[in-house]
Amino acid sequence: MFELALLTAVVFIAAIALGTIYQRRQDVLYGPYISDPAWGPVLNEDGVETSST
């Protein structure tokens, strides 16, 4: 039973590591995630919130 718990933990950690490596590779290829301006407030060059329409 202990072996099953240990194996599960190793697989879980490996899955997280592979996901992180894949995400970083995507960031290198395509740049970091850029959010759509419609999701948040739009700021002008002075940092003041403006209307998105």
N, C-alpha and C. Protein backbone atom coordinates (compact mmCIF):
# COMPACT_ATOMS: atom_id res chain seq x y z
N MET A 1 0.83 -1.20 0.00
CA MET A 1 0.00 0.00 0.00
C MET A 1 0.87 1.26 0.00
N PHE A 2 1.96 1.19 0.76
CA PHE A 2 2.88 2.33 0.78
C PHE A 2 3.47 2.58 -0.61
N GLU A 3 3.76 1.49 -1.32
CA GLU A 3 4.33 1.64 -2.66
C GLU A 3 3.36 2.34 -3.60
N LEU A 4 2.08 2.03 -3.46
CA LEU A 4 1.07 2.67 -4.31
C LEU A 4 1.00 4.17 -4.03
N ALA A 5 1.06 4.55 -2.76
CA ALA A 5 1.03 5.96 -2.41
C ALA A 5 2.27 6.67 -2.93
N LEU A 6 3.42 6.02 -2.82
CA LEU A 6 4.67 6.61 -3.30
C LEU A 6 4.64 6.76 -4.82
N LEU A 7 4.17 5.74 -5.51
CA LEU A 7 4.08 5.79 -6.97
C LEU A 7 3.11 6.89 -7.41
N THR A 8 1.99 7.02 -6.72
CA THR A 8 1.02 8.06 -7.04
C THR A 8 1.64 9.44 -6.87
N ALA A 9 2.38 9.64 -5.79
CA ALA A 9 3.03 10.93 -5.55
C ALA A 9 4.06 11.23 -6.62
N VAL A 10 4.84 10.24 -7.01
CA VAL A 10 5.86 10.44 -8.05
C VAL A 10 5.21 10.80 -9.38
N VAL A 11 4.15 10.10 -9.74
CA VAL A 11 3.46 10.38 -11.00
C VAL A 11 2.84 11.78 -10.97
N PHE A 12 2.26 12.15 -9.84
CA PHE A 12 1.66 13.47 -9.70
C PHE A 12 2.70 14.57 -9.86
N ILE A 13 3.83 14.43 -9.19
CA ILE A 13 4.91 15.42 -9.28
C ILE A 13 5.46 15.47 -10.71
N ALA A 14 5.61 14.32 -11.35
CA ALA A 14 6.11 14.29 -12.72
C ALA A 14 5.14 14.99 -13.67
N ALA A 15 3.84 14.81 -13.46
CA ALA A 15 2.85 15.46 -14.32
C ALA A 15 2.92 16.98 -14.16
N ILE A 16 3.08 17.45 -12.94
CA ILE A 16 3.19 18.89 -12.71
C ILE A 16 4.46 19.43 -13.36
N ALA A 17 5.57 18.70 -13.21
CA ALA A 17 6.83 19.13 -13.80
C ALA A 17 6.73 19.19 -15.32
N LEU A 18 6.14 18.17 -15.93
CA LEU A 18 6.01 18.17 -17.38
C LEU A 18 5.10 19.31 -17.86
N GLY A 19 4.03 19.56 -17.13
CA GLY A 19 3.14 20.67 -17.48
C GLY A 19 3.85 22.00 -17.40
N THR A 20 4.67 22.18 -16.37
CA THR A 20 5.42 23.42 -16.21
C THR A 20 6.44 23.59 -17.33
N ILE A 21 7.15 22.51 -17.65
CA ILE A 21 8.15 22.57 -18.73
C ILE A 21 7.46 22.90 -20.05
N TYR A 22 6.33 22.27 -20.32
CA TYR A 22 5.60 22.54 -21.56
C TYR A 22 5.15 23.99 -21.63
N GLN A 23 4.63 24.51 -20.51
CA GLN A 23 4.16 25.89 -20.49
C GLN A 23 5.31 26.87 -20.72
N ARG A 24 6.46 26.60 -20.11
CA ARG A 24 7.61 27.48 -20.30
C ARG A 24 8.11 27.41 -21.73
N ARG A 25 8.05 26.24 -22.34
CA ARG A 25 8.45 26.12 -23.74
C ARG A 25 7.51 26.94 -24.62
N GLN A 26 6.22 26.90 -24.33
CA GLN A 26 5.26 27.70 -25.08
C GLN A 26 5.55 29.18 -24.90
N ASP A 27 5.90 29.59 -23.68
CA ASP A 27 6.20 30.99 -23.42
C ASP A 27 7.42 31.44 -24.22
N VAL A 28 8.42 30.57 -24.34
CA VAL A 28 9.62 30.92 -25.10
C VAL A 28 9.27 31.06 -26.58
N LEU A 29 8.43 30.15 -27.08
CA LEU A 29 8.10 30.18 -28.51
C LEU A 29 7.15 31.32 -28.86
N TYR A 30 6.14 31.54 -28.03
CA TYR A 30 5.07 32.47 -28.39
C TYR A 30 4.96 33.67 -27.47
N GLY A 31 5.81 33.79 -26.49
CA GLY A 31 5.72 34.87 -25.52
C GLY A 31 4.75 34.50 -24.42
N PRO A 32 4.79 35.23 -23.32
CA PRO A 32 3.89 34.92 -22.20
C PRO A 32 2.44 35.17 -22.58
N TYR A 33 1.56 34.62 -21.78
CA TYR A 33 0.12 34.76 -22.02
C TYR A 33 -0.25 36.24 -22.01
N ILE A 34 -0.94 36.66 -23.05
CA ILE A 34 -1.39 38.06 -23.15
C ILE A 34 -2.91 38.05 -23.02
N SER A 35 -3.41 38.74 -22.01
CA SER A 35 -4.85 38.72 -21.78
C SER A 35 -5.57 39.64 -22.77
N ASP A 36 -6.79 39.31 -23.06
CA ASP A 36 -7.63 40.12 -23.92
C ASP A 36 -8.00 41.40 -23.17
N PRO A 37 -7.86 42.56 -23.79
CA PRO A 37 -8.19 43.81 -23.08
C PRO A 37 -9.63 43.87 -22.60
N ALA A 38 -10.53 43.10 -23.23
CA ALA A 38 -11.93 43.13 -22.81
C ALA A 38 -12.12 42.51 -21.43
N TRP A 39 -11.13 41.75 -20.95
CA TRP A 39 -11.27 41.09 -19.65
C TRP A 39 -11.01 42.03 -18.49
N GLY A 40 -10.29 43.11 -18.70
CA GLY A 40 -9.95 43.99 -17.58
C GLY A 40 -10.12 45.44 -17.96
N PRO A 41 -9.85 46.32 -17.01
CA PRO A 41 -9.97 47.75 -17.31
C PRO A 41 -8.91 48.17 -18.32
N VAL A 42 -9.30 49.11 -19.17
CA VAL A 42 -8.38 49.63 -20.18
C VAL A 42 -7.72 50.88 -19.60
N LEU A 43 -6.41 50.91 -19.65
CA LEU A 43 -5.68 52.07 -19.13
C LEU A 43 -5.05 52.82 -20.29
N ASN A 44 -5.11 54.14 -20.23
CA ASN A 44 -4.40 54.91 -21.25
C ASN A 44 -2.95 55.06 -20.83
N GLU A 45 -2.17 55.82 -21.58
CA GLU A 45 -0.73 55.90 -21.30
C GLU A 45 -0.42 56.55 -19.95
N ASP A 46 -1.37 57.29 -19.38
CA ASP A 46 -1.15 57.90 -18.06
C ASP A 46 -1.55 56.96 -16.92
N GLY A 47 -2.04 55.78 -17.26
CA GLY A 47 -2.45 54.83 -16.23
C GLY A 47 -3.84 55.09 -15.70
N VAL A 48 -4.62 55.90 -16.43
CA VAL A 48 -5.98 56.22 -16.01
C VAL A 48 -6.95 55.30 -16.74
N GLU A 49 -7.90 54.77 -15.98
CA GLU A 49 -8.87 53.85 -16.57
C GLU A 49 -9.76 54.60 -17.56
N THR A 50 -9.94 54.01 -18.75
CA THR A 50 -10.79 54.61 -19.77
C THR A 50 -11.81 53.60 -20.24
N SER A 51 -12.76 54.06 -21.02
CA SER A 51 -13.79 53.18 -21.56
C SER A 51 -13.19 52.32 -22.67
N SER A 52 -13.63 51.06 -22.76
CA SER A 52 -13.10 50.16 -23.79
C SER A 52 -13.86 50.30 -25.10
N THR A 53 -14.91 51.13 -25.13
CA THR A 53 -15.68 51.29 -26.37
C THR A 53 -15.35 52.59 -27.04
